[in-house]
Amino acid sequence: MDNGRASNSVRGSWRTRPSHGGRSLGQFSATDTLGRGRASNSVQGSWRSRPSHGGLSLGRGSTWHRSRAQVPSETIDTTPFGRLVTNITLDDASSFITKTDSPKISDCKYIASYSLMKASTQKIIIPGQPATWTPLELPSRLPGDQGEYLRDQNGARFPDYPMQPSVQSIFALNKEFDPSSVDILGCASSLGDILRFVRSVDLTFRFDVEIIGDTLFLVRNHRNQVIPDVRGYGHSFLNAFLTHGAELQETVSHQRIVSYSFGGLKCLVRYECDGHFSGSEEKSKATAGEKKVSGFPKFPASNSITMEPAGNVIPQESILEVKTKSQARDPIDMAEHLPRLWLRQIPSLITAYHRAGNFEDVQEKVVREDLLKWESDHELELRKFASILRQLIIEVKRASHLKLELCRTGLGPLELREQSEKPREALPNEWREMWTEQRREPTRDSKSYLSDDEDGEGSYPDYLSSKDWSDESYDFDDDVALDYTACDVECGYCGRCDY
């Protein structure tokens, strides 16, 4: 094996192609969060965001000019922390670990997608389409990246409701969609933050959490934060080695939403998609023609994002992730990248090595088997991960009368805090109603976040009855405090059974 690369005779091995390219996939490191563009390019193998907004690079050689009043350039979130509601520690995770729910991802399916265009901040293309892998001949010398890059395309374009384009695209492509079975809806980077907490990685982050119906929404609140003065070759490589068709040439970001089961929870996970292998459009038309969009359902006019039909649904098996890296440094460490690919269920990884921007070595690997092995090797951590997600659902339900965010500093615990300053909501009122109007009563099988006792009957974990809630912020004598007297195992201790 040369430089950590297996020969082509091994199934799923790295394959060198006369092509390829990519943006840095980055390190699953202690200083970065999982989202794109979170780290400076001075960090080896750091995540690189696509070029972004006005005055900022938008990606693929384009620029979106704007005034500072439209999109201020902020590099960090300076919003003060609100009052502490409760802490969640790794010790708590053992209370929610179940023997029956598998700590493995299963039944992964495409649910929805949309593309964001450089010409408009308030329009989404549904289903859109990720860029197609169209590699150049090697060697290929590319110019370096420069400028500022947004941390969050959705937050910058839809600062009031960053999750609305996800929800709107779900309903647009799935007219009979039933939200009542969904336990968690959020971006992969937010789930990645929680996973790295479980793995005891030193990491600071904060994002909003809210219960709508029976679903826990995880909402990144980066808004207009940028990574300043980016250097490297990742964006330039994406622009050169992946292309869009004529109707989608102005795409700056393609967002994809998949559904899967994990630890007894049904999760909808959104992530930014690098690209796909060519030829999958034809397969999509043959196997998923019903997804071709010609029109949209009637949505609330006052709070709907403008939609335009274009693109094709791409099968999950054709989706790829891209990483670039200097040949002067060590080869990529797959252990650092598999957690990211696992959360997104991306089956293929492309790596491109360069010398000062001259790309000579591009490789491709099918990582399905690697993801399964990583999942098996980290079973205990993933059981804790599922446990923390279950606990978070319960805790946010208990404090659902508050507007909350989940925070962590360094190696500290997860902190559930009240939002400070102007409260934020995951969705506008009309869309909240759409999400809850088809809600059914939860069943023990689909909505039980509880452990089983020896008789097979559900029992409420001891820590929830004895857990200390911060005297600083939570007063059970308050008029708005929830009353759990009539709640039971079946309702998940929702706090609403007296109403």
Protein backbone atom coordinates (compact mmCIF):
# COMPACT_ATOMS: atom_id res chain seq x y z
CA MET A 1 0.00 0.00 0.00
CA ASP A 2 1.52 3.31 -1.08
CA ASN A 3 0.87 6.34 1.08
CA GLY A 4 -2.04 4.62 2.74
CA ARG A 5 -3.78 3.61 -0.52
CA ALA A 6 -4.82 0.06 -1.30
CA SER A 7 -4.36 -1.61 -4.65
CA ASN A 8 -7.22 -1.75 -7.16
CA SER A 9 -7.63 -5.47 -6.62
CA VAL A 10 -9.25 -4.92 -3.25
CA ARG A 11 -12.99 -4.36 -3.23
CA GLY A 12 -13.85 -0.83 -2.23
CA SER A 13 -10.23 0.20 -2.63
CA TRP A 14 -8.96 3.57 -3.72
CA ARG A 15 -8.95 3.84 -7.49
CA THR A 16 -6.85 6.41 -9.30
CA ARG A 17 -8.71 8.05 -12.15
CA PRO A 18 -7.42 10.44 -14.84
CA SER A 19 -9.56 13.05 -13.21
CA HIS A 20 -11.20 14.02 -9.96
CA GLY A 21 -11.15 16.86 -7.67
CA GLY A 22 -12.58 18.23 -4.62
CA ARG A 23 -13.02 20.54 -1.83
CA SER A 24 -11.29 19.56 1.34
CA LEU A 25 -13.36 17.05 3.24
CA GLY A 26 -11.41 18.04 6.25
CA GLN A 27 -10.54 16.59 9.59
CA PHE A 28 -13.03 15.36 12.12
CA SER A 29 -10.94 17.42 14.50
CA ALA A 30 -11.20 18.84 17.95
CA THR A 31 -11.33 22.41 16.72
CA ASP A 32 -13.92 22.14 13.97
CA THR A 33 -17.62 21.52 13.83
CA LEU A 34 -18.97 19.23 11.15
CA GLY A 35 -20.39 21.93 8.88
CA ARG A 36 -18.59 23.15 5.85
CA GLY A 37 -16.14 26.01 6.14
CA ARG A 38 -15.86 25.93 9.89
CA ALA A 39 -12.08 26.01 10.06
CA SER A 40 -9.38 28.18 8.62
CA ASN A 41 -7.44 26.70 5.74
CA SER A 42 -4.31 27.05 7.78
CA VAL A 43 -5.43 23.86 9.50
CA GLN A 44 -4.29 20.80 7.61
CA GLY A 45 -7.20 19.06 5.93
CA SER A 46 -9.72 21.54 7.30
CA TRP A 47 -13.31 21.69 6.12
CA ARG A 48 -13.83 24.19 3.36
CA SER A 49 -17.15 25.81 2.63
CA ARG A 50 -18.29 26.63 -0.86
CA PRO A 51 -17.94 30.26 -1.86
CA SER A 52 -20.84 32.28 -0.65
CA HIS A 53 -22.58 35.66 -0.63
CA GLY A 54 -22.36 39.16 -1.82
CA GLY A 55 -18.95 40.53 -1.49
CA LEU A 56 -18.32 36.91 -0.59
CA SER A 57 -17.33 34.29 -3.11
CA LEU A 58 -20.33 32.19 -4.09
CA GLY A 59 -18.57 29.25 -5.66
CA ARG A 60 -17.96 27.92 -9.15
CA GLY A 61 -16.37 31.18 -10.26
CA SER A 62 -19.30 33.42 -9.33
CA THR A 63 -19.73 36.35 -6.99
CA TRP A 64 -22.85 37.72 -5.35
CA HIS A 65 -22.41 41.44 -4.74
CA ARG A 66 -24.33 43.00 -1.89
CA SER A 67 -24.14 45.79 0.61
CA ARG A 68 -23.05 45.20 4.17
CA ALA A 69 -26.58 46.00 5.28
CA GLN A 70 -27.83 42.97 3.33
CA VAL A 71 -25.36 40.38 4.55
CA PRO A 72 -23.06 41.51 7.35
CA SER A 73 -19.81 39.61 7.66
CA GLU A 74 -19.65 38.10 11.12
CA THR A 75 -16.98 35.57 12.00
CA ILE A 76 -18.32 34.41 15.39
CA ASP A 77 -21.60 34.27 17.26
CA THR A 78 -21.45 36.97 19.92
CA THR A 79 -25.02 36.53 21.17
CA PRO A 80 -24.91 36.18 24.97
CA PHE A 81 -25.99 32.89 26.49
CA GLY A 82 -29.42 32.66 28.06
CA ARG A 83 -30.32 31.04 31.39
CA LEU A 84 -29.32 27.43 31.92
CA VAL A 85 -32.24 24.99 31.90
CA THR A 86 -30.35 21.72 32.40
CA ASN A 87 -27.12 19.90 31.65
CA ILE A 88 -26.77 16.62 29.79
CA THR A 89 -23.64 14.61 30.57
CA LEU A 90 -22.17 11.43 29.19
CA ASP A 91 -22.99 9.76 32.50
CA ASP A 92 -26.66 10.35 31.70
CA ALA A 93 -26.35 8.41 28.45
CA SER A 94 -26.26 5.02 30.18
CA SER A 95 -29.74 5.67 31.61
CA PHE A 96 -31.26 5.69 28.15
CA ILE A 97 -29.30 2.89 26.47
CA THR A 98 -31.71 0.21 25.28
CA LYS A 99 -30.99 -3.39 24.43
CA THR A 100 -33.58 -3.70 21.69
CA ASP A 101 -32.92 -0.67 19.48
CA SER A 102 -30.05 -1.14 17.05
CA PRO A 103 -27.24 1.46 17.12
CA LYS A 104 -27.03 1.14 13.36
CA ILE A 105 -28.49 3.18 10.54
CA SER A 106 -31.07 1.32 8.47
CA ASP A 107 -33.65 1.99 5.77
CA CYS A 108 -31.86 5.03 4.36
CA LYS A 109 -33.98 6.75 1.70
CA TYR A 110 -33.94 9.94 -0.32
CA ILE A 111 -36.74 12.24 0.86
CA ALA A 112 -36.21 15.64 -0.76
CA SER A 113 -33.65 18.06 -2.17
CA TYR A 114 -33.31 21.61 -3.40
CA SER A 115 -30.70 23.83 -4.99
CA LEU A 116 -29.82 27.39 -4.02
CA MET A 117 -29.00 29.81 -6.83
CA LYS A 118 -26.66 32.79 -6.85
CA ALA A 119 -29.22 35.10 -8.45
CA SER A 120 -31.76 34.97 -5.63
CA THR A 121 -31.68 34.77 -1.86
CA GLN A 122 -35.33 33.75 -1.55
CA LYS A 123 -35.83 31.01 -4.14
CA ILE A 124 -35.27 27.28 -4.11
CA ILE A 125 -35.07 24.93 -7.10
CA ILE A 126 -36.85 21.62 -6.43
CA PRO A 127 -35.61 18.91 -6.62
CA GLY A 128 -32.53 20.62 -8.03
CA GLN A 129 -29.54 18.44 -8.74
CA PRO A 130 -26.03 18.02 -7.35
CA ALA A 131 -23.09 18.77 -9.60
CA THR A 132 -21.97 16.01 -11.97
CA TRP A 133 -18.49 14.55 -11.71
CA THR A 134 -16.74 15.68 -14.95
CA PRO A 135 -13.03 15.24 -14.26
CA LEU A 136 -10.27 16.97 -16.16
CA GLU A 137 -7.16 15.27 -17.47
CA LEU A 138 -4.27 15.08 -15.06
CA PRO A 139 -2.06 16.77 -14.18
CA SER A 140 -4.18 19.90 -13.83
CA ARG A 141 -3.01 23.15 -12.27
CA LEU A 142 -5.69 25.28 -10.61
CA PRO A 143 -5.74 28.76 -9.06
CA GLY A 144 -5.95 29.07 -5.31
CA ASP A 145 -9.05 29.95 -3.29
CA GLN A 146 -9.40 33.32 -1.67
CA GLY A 147 -12.04 35.43 0.04
CA GLU A 148 -14.65 34.81 2.70
CA TYR A 149 -16.94 31.79 2.91
CA LEU A 150 -20.31 31.40 4.59
CA ARG A 151 -20.69 28.87 7.36
CA ASP A 152 -24.37 28.28 6.57
CA GLN A 153 -26.03 28.91 3.20
CA ASN A 154 -29.52 28.29 4.57
CA GLY A 155 -29.03 30.58 7.55
CA ALA A 156 -27.70 33.42 5.40
CA ARG A 157 -30.52 33.23 2.85
CA PHE A 158 -33.35 32.38 5.24
CA PRO A 159 -32.17 33.86 8.55
CA ASP A 160 -35.59 33.83 10.23
CA TYR A 161 -36.38 30.19 9.45
CA PRO A 162 -33.31 28.27 8.17
CA MET A 163 -35.19 24.94 8.24
CA GLN A 164 -38.17 26.16 6.19
CA PRO A 165 -36.68 25.32 2.77
CA SER A 166 -36.13 21.75 3.99
CA VAL A 167 -39.71 21.38 5.22
CA GLN A 168 -41.14 23.05 2.12
CA SER A 169 -39.18 20.79 -0.23
CA ILE A 170 -40.30 17.71 1.74
CA PHE A 171 -43.98 18.60 1.31
CA ALA A 172 -43.45 19.68 -2.30
CA LEU A 173 -42.01 16.30 -3.27
CA ASN A 174 -44.10 14.14 -0.93
CA LYS A 175 -47.71 15.35 -1.06
CA GLU A 176 -48.91 12.70 1.40
CA PHE A 177 -45.97 13.07 3.77
CA ASP A 178 -46.86 12.26 7.39
CA PRO A 179 -44.65 14.16 9.89
CA SER A 180 -46.05 12.28 12.90
CA SER A 181 -43.51 9.48 12.54
CA VAL A 182 -40.47 11.79 12.45
CA ASP A 183 -38.48 12.01 15.69
CA ILE A 184 -35.64 14.31 14.59
CA LEU A 185 -35.21 16.78 11.74
CA GLY A 186 -31.92 18.61 11.50
CA CYS A 187 -28.74 19.20 9.55
CA ALA A 188 -25.98 16.62 9.65
CA SER A 189 -23.56 19.13 11.16
CA SER A 190 -25.76 19.57 14.25
CA LEU A 191 -26.03 15.81 14.70
CA GLY A 192 -22.27 15.66 14.18
CA ASP A 193 -21.74 18.14 17.00
CA ILE A 194 -23.67 15.87 19.36
CA LEU A 195 -21.81 12.80 18.11
CA ARG A 196 -18.47 14.44 18.82
CA PHE A 197 -19.69 15.31 22.31
CA VAL A 198 -20.41 11.59 22.78
CA ARG A 199 -16.92 10.79 21.46
CA SER A 200 -15.39 13.27 23.96
CA VAL A 201 -13.95 15.51 21.25
CA ASP A 202 -13.06 19.02 22.40
CA LEU A 203 -15.60 21.18 20.56
CA THR A 204 -17.55 24.39 21.11
CA PHE A 205 -20.93 24.86 19.40
CA ARG A 206 -24.48 26.15 19.79
CA PHE A 207 -27.69 25.66 17.80
CA ASP A 208 -31.43 26.00 18.38
CA VAL A 209 -33.64 23.09 19.44
CA GLU A 210 -37.44 23.03 19.30
CA ILE A 211 -40.25 20.47 19.47
CA ILE A 212 -42.96 20.81 16.80
CA GLY A 213 -45.59 18.11 17.10
CA ASP A 214 -43.53 15.06 18.02
CA THR A 215 -40.43 16.13 16.11
CA LEU A 216 -37.25 17.59 17.57
CA PHE A 217 -35.89 20.28 15.20
CA LEU A 218 -32.14 20.98 15.30
CA VAL A 219 -31.59 24.41 13.76
CA ARG A 220 -28.18 25.91 13.05
CA ASN A 221 -28.17 29.60 13.91
CA HIS A 222 -24.98 30.79 12.20
CA ARG A 223 -26.95 33.18 9.98
CA ASN A 224 -24.34 35.39 8.25
CA GLN A 225 -21.18 34.14 9.93
CA VAL A 226 -18.25 33.70 7.57
CA ILE A 227 -14.80 32.19 7.50
CA PRO A 228 -12.55 35.11 6.54
CA ASP A 229 -9.50 35.10 4.31
CA VAL A 230 -9.72 31.49 3.14
CA ARG A 231 -6.74 30.02 1.30
CA GLY A 232 -6.33 26.67 -0.43
CA TYR A 233 -7.52 24.88 -3.59
CA GLY A 234 -10.69 23.06 -2.56
CA HIS A 235 -13.27 25.44 -4.05
CA SER A 236 -11.29 25.92 -7.23
CA PHE A 237 -11.13 22.15 -7.60
CA LEU A 238 -14.89 21.72 -7.18
CA ASN A 239 -15.54 24.40 -9.79
CA ALA A 240 -13.20 22.73 -12.28
CA PHE A 241 -14.03 19.05 -11.76
CA LEU A 242 -17.79 19.13 -11.19
CA THR A 243 -20.33 20.84 -13.44
CA HIS A 244 -24.04 21.64 -13.63
CA GLY A 245 -26.39 21.32 -16.59
CA ALA A 246 -27.62 24.39 -18.45
CA GLU A 247 -30.69 25.04 -16.30
CA LEU A 248 -28.74 24.73 -13.04
CA GLN A 249 -25.49 26.49 -13.90
CA GLU A 250 -26.15 29.19 -11.33
CA THR A 251 -26.28 26.67 -8.45
CA VAL A 252 -24.16 27.61 -5.45
CA SER A 253 -25.32 24.86 -3.08
CA HIS A 254 -27.31 21.66 -3.37
CA GLN A 255 -29.10 20.53 -0.21
CA ARG A 256 -30.19 16.92 0.18
CA ILE A 257 -32.48 15.36 2.82
CA VAL A 258 -32.40 11.66 3.63
CA SER A 259 -34.51 9.60 5.99
CA TYR A 260 -33.22 6.72 8.08
CA SER A 261 -33.82 4.83 11.30
CA PHE A 262 -31.22 4.93 14.06
CA GLY A 263 -31.54 3.62 17.59
CA GLY A 264 -35.32 3.39 17.35
CA LEU A 265 -35.56 6.99 16.10
CA LYS A 266 -36.69 8.11 12.64
CA CYS A 267 -34.36 10.87 11.50
CA LEU A 268 -34.55 13.31 8.59
CA VAL A 269 -31.05 14.61 7.92
CA ARG A 270 -30.15 17.50 5.64
CA TYR A 271 -26.65 18.05 4.27
CA GLU A 272 -24.89 19.95 1.50
CA CYS A 273 -24.09 17.57 -1.35
CA ASP A 274 -20.82 17.83 -3.28
CA GLY A 275 -21.86 15.92 -6.36
CA HIS A 276 -22.84 12.67 -8.04
CA PHE A 277 -21.50 10.30 -10.67
CA SER A 278 -22.78 10.76 -14.21
CA GLY A 279 -25.31 8.29 -15.58
CA SER A 280 -27.46 8.37 -12.44
CA GLU A 281 -29.90 10.81 -14.06
CA GLU A 282 -31.04 8.11 -16.49
CA LYS A 283 -31.38 5.58 -13.68
CA SER A 284 -33.35 8.12 -11.68
CA LYS A 285 -35.78 8.69 -14.53
CA ALA A 286 -36.33 4.95 -14.89
CA THR A 287 -36.70 4.04 -11.22
CA ALA A 288 -38.07 7.20 -9.63
CA GLY A 289 -39.97 8.92 -12.41
CA GLU A 290 -42.78 9.75 -10.02
CA LYS A 291 -40.42 12.26 -8.40
CA LYS A 292 -40.22 14.43 -11.54
CA VAL A 293 -41.71 17.76 -10.55
CA SER A 294 -44.09 19.58 -12.85
CA GLY A 295 -46.04 21.51 -10.23
CA PHE A 296 -46.30 22.05 -6.50
CA PRO A 297 -49.04 21.74 -3.88
CA LYS A 298 -50.75 24.91 -2.76
CA PHE A 299 -48.85 26.30 0.21
CA PRO A 300 -49.55 29.32 2.48
CA ALA A 301 -48.85 32.26 0.22
CA SER A 302 -47.79 34.65 2.97
CA ASN A 303 -44.95 32.52 4.31
CA SER A 304 -43.86 30.34 1.40
CA ILE A 305 -40.48 30.45 -0.28
CA THR A 306 -40.59 30.87 -4.05
CA MET A 307 -40.12 27.47 -5.72
CA GLU A 308 -39.12 26.56 -9.25
CA PRO A 309 -39.17 23.03 -10.70
CA ALA A 310 -35.91 21.86 -12.28
CA GLY A 311 -33.40 19.03 -12.01
CA ASN A 312 -33.66 15.32 -11.33
CA VAL A 313 -33.82 13.14 -8.24
CA ILE A 314 -30.44 11.41 -7.91
CA PRO A 315 -30.21 7.96 -6.24
CA GLN A 316 -28.34 7.91 -2.95
CA GLU A 317 -25.94 5.27 -4.28
CA SER A 318 -24.60 7.82 -6.81
CA ILE A 319 -23.84 10.58 -4.28
CA LEU A 320 -20.19 11.41 -3.64
CA GLU A 321 -18.10 13.47 -1.24
CA VAL A 322 -14.85 15.19 -2.26
CA LYS A 323 -11.65 16.00 -0.41
CA THR A 324 -8.46 17.72 -1.53
CA LYS A 325 -5.11 17.60 0.22
CA SER A 326 -1.50 18.57 -0.32
CA GLN A 327 0.84 15.74 -1.23
CA ALA A 328 3.44 17.37 0.98
CA ARG A 329 1.41 16.29 4.01
CA ASP A 330 0.31 12.93 5.35
CA PRO A 331 -2.39 11.05 3.41
CA ILE A 332 -5.92 11.40 4.71
CA ASP A 333 -6.88 9.44 7.78
CA MET A 334 -10.16 7.68 7.03
CA ALA A 335 -10.95 7.39 10.74
CA GLU A 336 -11.37 11.15 10.78
CA HIS A 337 -13.83 11.24 7.89
CA LEU A 338 -15.97 8.14 8.31
CA PRO A 339 -18.19 9.71 11.03
CA ARG A 340 -19.13 12.49 8.64
CA LEU A 341 -19.87 10.10 5.78
CA TRP A 342 -21.79 7.80 8.14
CA LEU A 343 -24.14 10.55 9.32
CA ARG A 344 -24.88 11.48 5.72
CA GLN A 345 -24.83 7.89 4.40
CA ILE A 346 -22.62 8.95 1.49
CA PRO A 347 -21.33 5.81 -0.26
CA SER A 348 -18.36 7.21 -2.22
CA LEU A 349 -15.36 9.36 -1.35
CA ILE A 350 -13.09 11.08 -3.87
CA THR A 351 -9.69 12.38 -2.85
CA ALA A 352 -7.43 14.67 -4.86
CA TYR A 353 -3.79 15.27 -3.95
CA HIS A 354 -1.90 18.30 -5.23
CA ARG A 355 1.46 20.04 -5.09
CA ALA A 356 0.94 23.79 -4.76
CA GLY A 357 -2.30 23.55 -6.74
CA ASN A 358 -1.02 21.10 -9.36
CA PHE A 359 -3.32 18.06 -9.08
CA GLU A 360 -1.60 14.85 -10.14
CA ASP A 361 -3.25 12.08 -8.09
CA VAL A 362 -7.03 11.66 -7.89
CA GLN A 363 -8.61 8.62 -6.30
CA GLU A 364 -12.05 7.16 -5.79
CA LYS A 365 -13.30 4.78 -3.14
CA VAL A 366 -16.62 3.11 -2.47
CA VAL A 367 -16.86 3.32 1.32
CA ARG A 368 -20.01 1.32 2.08
CA GLU A 369 -18.08 -1.50 3.72
CA ASP A 370 -15.90 0.98 5.60
CA LEU A 371 -19.01 2.67 7.02
CA LEU A 372 -20.46 -0.65 8.17
CA LYS A 373 -17.19 -1.60 9.85
CA TRP A 374 -16.88 1.81 11.52
CA GLU A 375 -20.46 1.47 12.76
CA SER A 376 -19.76 -1.98 14.18
CA ASP A 377 -16.46 -0.94 15.79
CA HIS A 378 -18.13 2.02 17.53
CA GLU A 379 -21.27 0.27 18.75
CA LEU A 380 -21.01 1.45 22.37
CA GLU A 381 -20.43 5.08 21.35
CA LEU A 382 -23.38 4.92 18.95
CA ARG A 383 -25.63 3.46 21.67
CA LYS A 384 -24.69 6.46 23.81
CA PHE A 385 -25.35 8.73 20.84
CA ALA A 386 -28.87 7.32 20.45
CA SER A 387 -29.35 7.62 24.21
CA ILE A 388 -28.37 11.30 24.22
CA LEU A 389 -30.74 12.02 21.33
CA ARG A 390 -33.60 10.34 23.22
CA GLN A 391 -32.79 12.28 26.35
CA LEU A 392 -32.63 15.52 24.40
CA ILE A 393 -36.11 14.92 23.00
CA ILE A 394 -37.49 14.41 26.51
CA GLU A 395 -35.72 17.44 27.96
CA VAL A 396 -36.85 19.77 25.17
CA LYS A 397 -40.43 18.50 25.58
CA ARG A 398 -40.26 19.19 29.29
CA ALA A 399 -39.26 22.80 28.63
CA SER A 400 -41.28 23.26 25.44
CA HIS A 401 -42.78 26.52 26.74
CA LEU A 402 -39.30 28.05 26.38
CA LYS A 403 -37.27 28.95 23.30
CA LEU A 404 -34.12 26.87 23.64
CA GLU A 405 -30.67 26.31 22.23
CA LEU A 406 -28.17 23.52 22.81
CA CYS A 407 -24.67 24.67 23.70
CA ARG A 408 -21.32 23.16 24.55
CA THR A 409 -17.94 24.67 25.40
CA GLY A 410 -14.77 22.65 24.97
CA LEU A 411 -15.01 19.33 26.80
CA GLY A 412 -17.98 20.43 28.90
CA PRO A 413 -21.48 18.93 29.07
CA LEU A 414 -24.34 19.69 26.73
CA GLU A 415 -26.20 22.71 28.05
CA LEU A 416 -29.84 23.32 27.29
CA ARG A 417 -30.29 27.08 27.60
CA GLU A 418 -32.98 29.64 26.97
CA GLN A 419 -32.39 31.74 23.89
CA SER A 420 -31.36 35.26 24.74
CA GLU A 421 -32.43 38.45 22.99
CA LYS A 422 -35.17 38.03 20.34
CA PRO A 423 -36.60 34.47 20.49
CA ARG A 424 -36.23 32.37 17.33
CA GLU A 425 -38.60 29.74 15.96
CA ALA A 426 -37.91 26.83 13.64
CA LEU A 427 -40.88 27.49 11.32
CA PRO A 428 -43.49 30.19 10.60
CA ASN A 429 -46.91 29.56 12.17
CA GLU A 430 -48.56 28.26 8.98
CA TRP A 431 -45.79 25.74 8.45
CA ARG A 432 -45.87 24.67 12.09
CA GLU A 433 -49.55 23.92 11.60
CA MET A 434 -48.81 21.94 8.43
CA TRP A 435 -46.24 19.90 10.32
CA THR A 436 -48.66 19.08 13.16
CA GLU A 437 -52.06 18.83 11.45
CA GLN A 438 -51.52 15.21 10.34
CA ARG A 439 -50.11 14.25 13.73
CA ARG A 440 -51.34 10.94 15.08
CA GLU A 441 -51.25 9.65 18.62
CA PRO A 442 -47.79 8.15 19.25
CA THR A 443 -47.55 4.40 19.68
CA ARG A 444 -45.31 2.49 22.02
CA ASP A 445 -43.36 1.09 19.08
CA SER A 446 -42.71 4.39 17.30
CA LYS A 447 -42.54 6.91 20.13
CA SER A 448 -41.27 5.16 23.23
CA TYR A 449 -38.02 6.72 24.40
CA LEU A 450 -38.10 4.59 27.53
CA SER A 451 -36.19 1.60 28.83
CA ASP A 452 -37.88 -1.76 29.40
CA ASP A 453 -38.16 -3.32 32.82
CA GLU A 454 -37.84 -7.04 33.50
CA ASP A 455 -41.55 -7.65 32.94
CA GLY A 456 -41.40 -6.09 29.51
CA GLU A 457 -43.41 -3.04 30.58
CA GLY A 458 -42.07 0.43 29.86
CA SER A 459 -40.49 2.19 32.80
CA TYR A 460 -39.45 5.80 33.09
CA PRO A 461 -35.69 6.17 33.60
CA ASP A 462 -34.76 7.01 37.18
CA TYR A 463 -32.61 9.97 36.24
CA LEU A 464 -35.57 11.91 34.83
CA SER A 465 -37.41 11.80 38.12
CA SER A 466 -34.34 12.74 40.14
CA LYS A 467 -32.45 14.99 37.71
CA ASP A 468 -31.46 18.36 39.11
CA TRP A 469 -32.80 21.26 37.09
CA SER A 470 -30.95 24.52 37.45
CA ASP A 471 -32.38 26.79 40.16
CA GLU A 472 -30.95 29.61 38.08
CA SER A 473 -33.54 29.32 35.36
CA TYR A 474 -36.27 26.80 36.07
CA ASP A 475 -38.97 27.35 38.65
CA PHE A 476 -41.62 24.65 38.86
CA ASP A 477 -43.83 27.10 40.73
CA ASP A 478 -43.85 29.36 37.71
CA ASP A 479 -47.26 29.75 36.09
CA VAL A 480 -45.97 28.37 32.80
CA ALA A 481 -44.22 25.32 34.24
CA LEU A 482 -45.53 22.09 32.75
CA ASP A 483 -47.60 19.70 34.82
CA TYR A 484 -46.79 16.01 34.41
CA THR A 485 -49.40 14.65 36.81
CA ALA A 486 -51.56 13.07 34.14
CA CYS A 487 -48.68 12.10 31.87
CA ASP A 488 -47.54 8.53 31.54
CA VAL A 489 -45.20 6.22 29.66
CA GLU A 490 -47.40 6.11 26.57
CA CYS A 491 -47.33 9.87 25.99
CA GLY A 492 -43.60 10.15 26.65
CA TYR A 493 -44.24 12.50 29.57
CA CYS A 494 -45.30 15.26 27.20
CA GLY A 495 -46.50 17.69 29.87
CA ARG A 496 -49.75 18.33 28.00
CA CYS A 497 -52.09 15.62 29.25
CA ASP A 498 -53.78 17.95 31.74
CA TYR A 499 -54.70 20.44 29.05
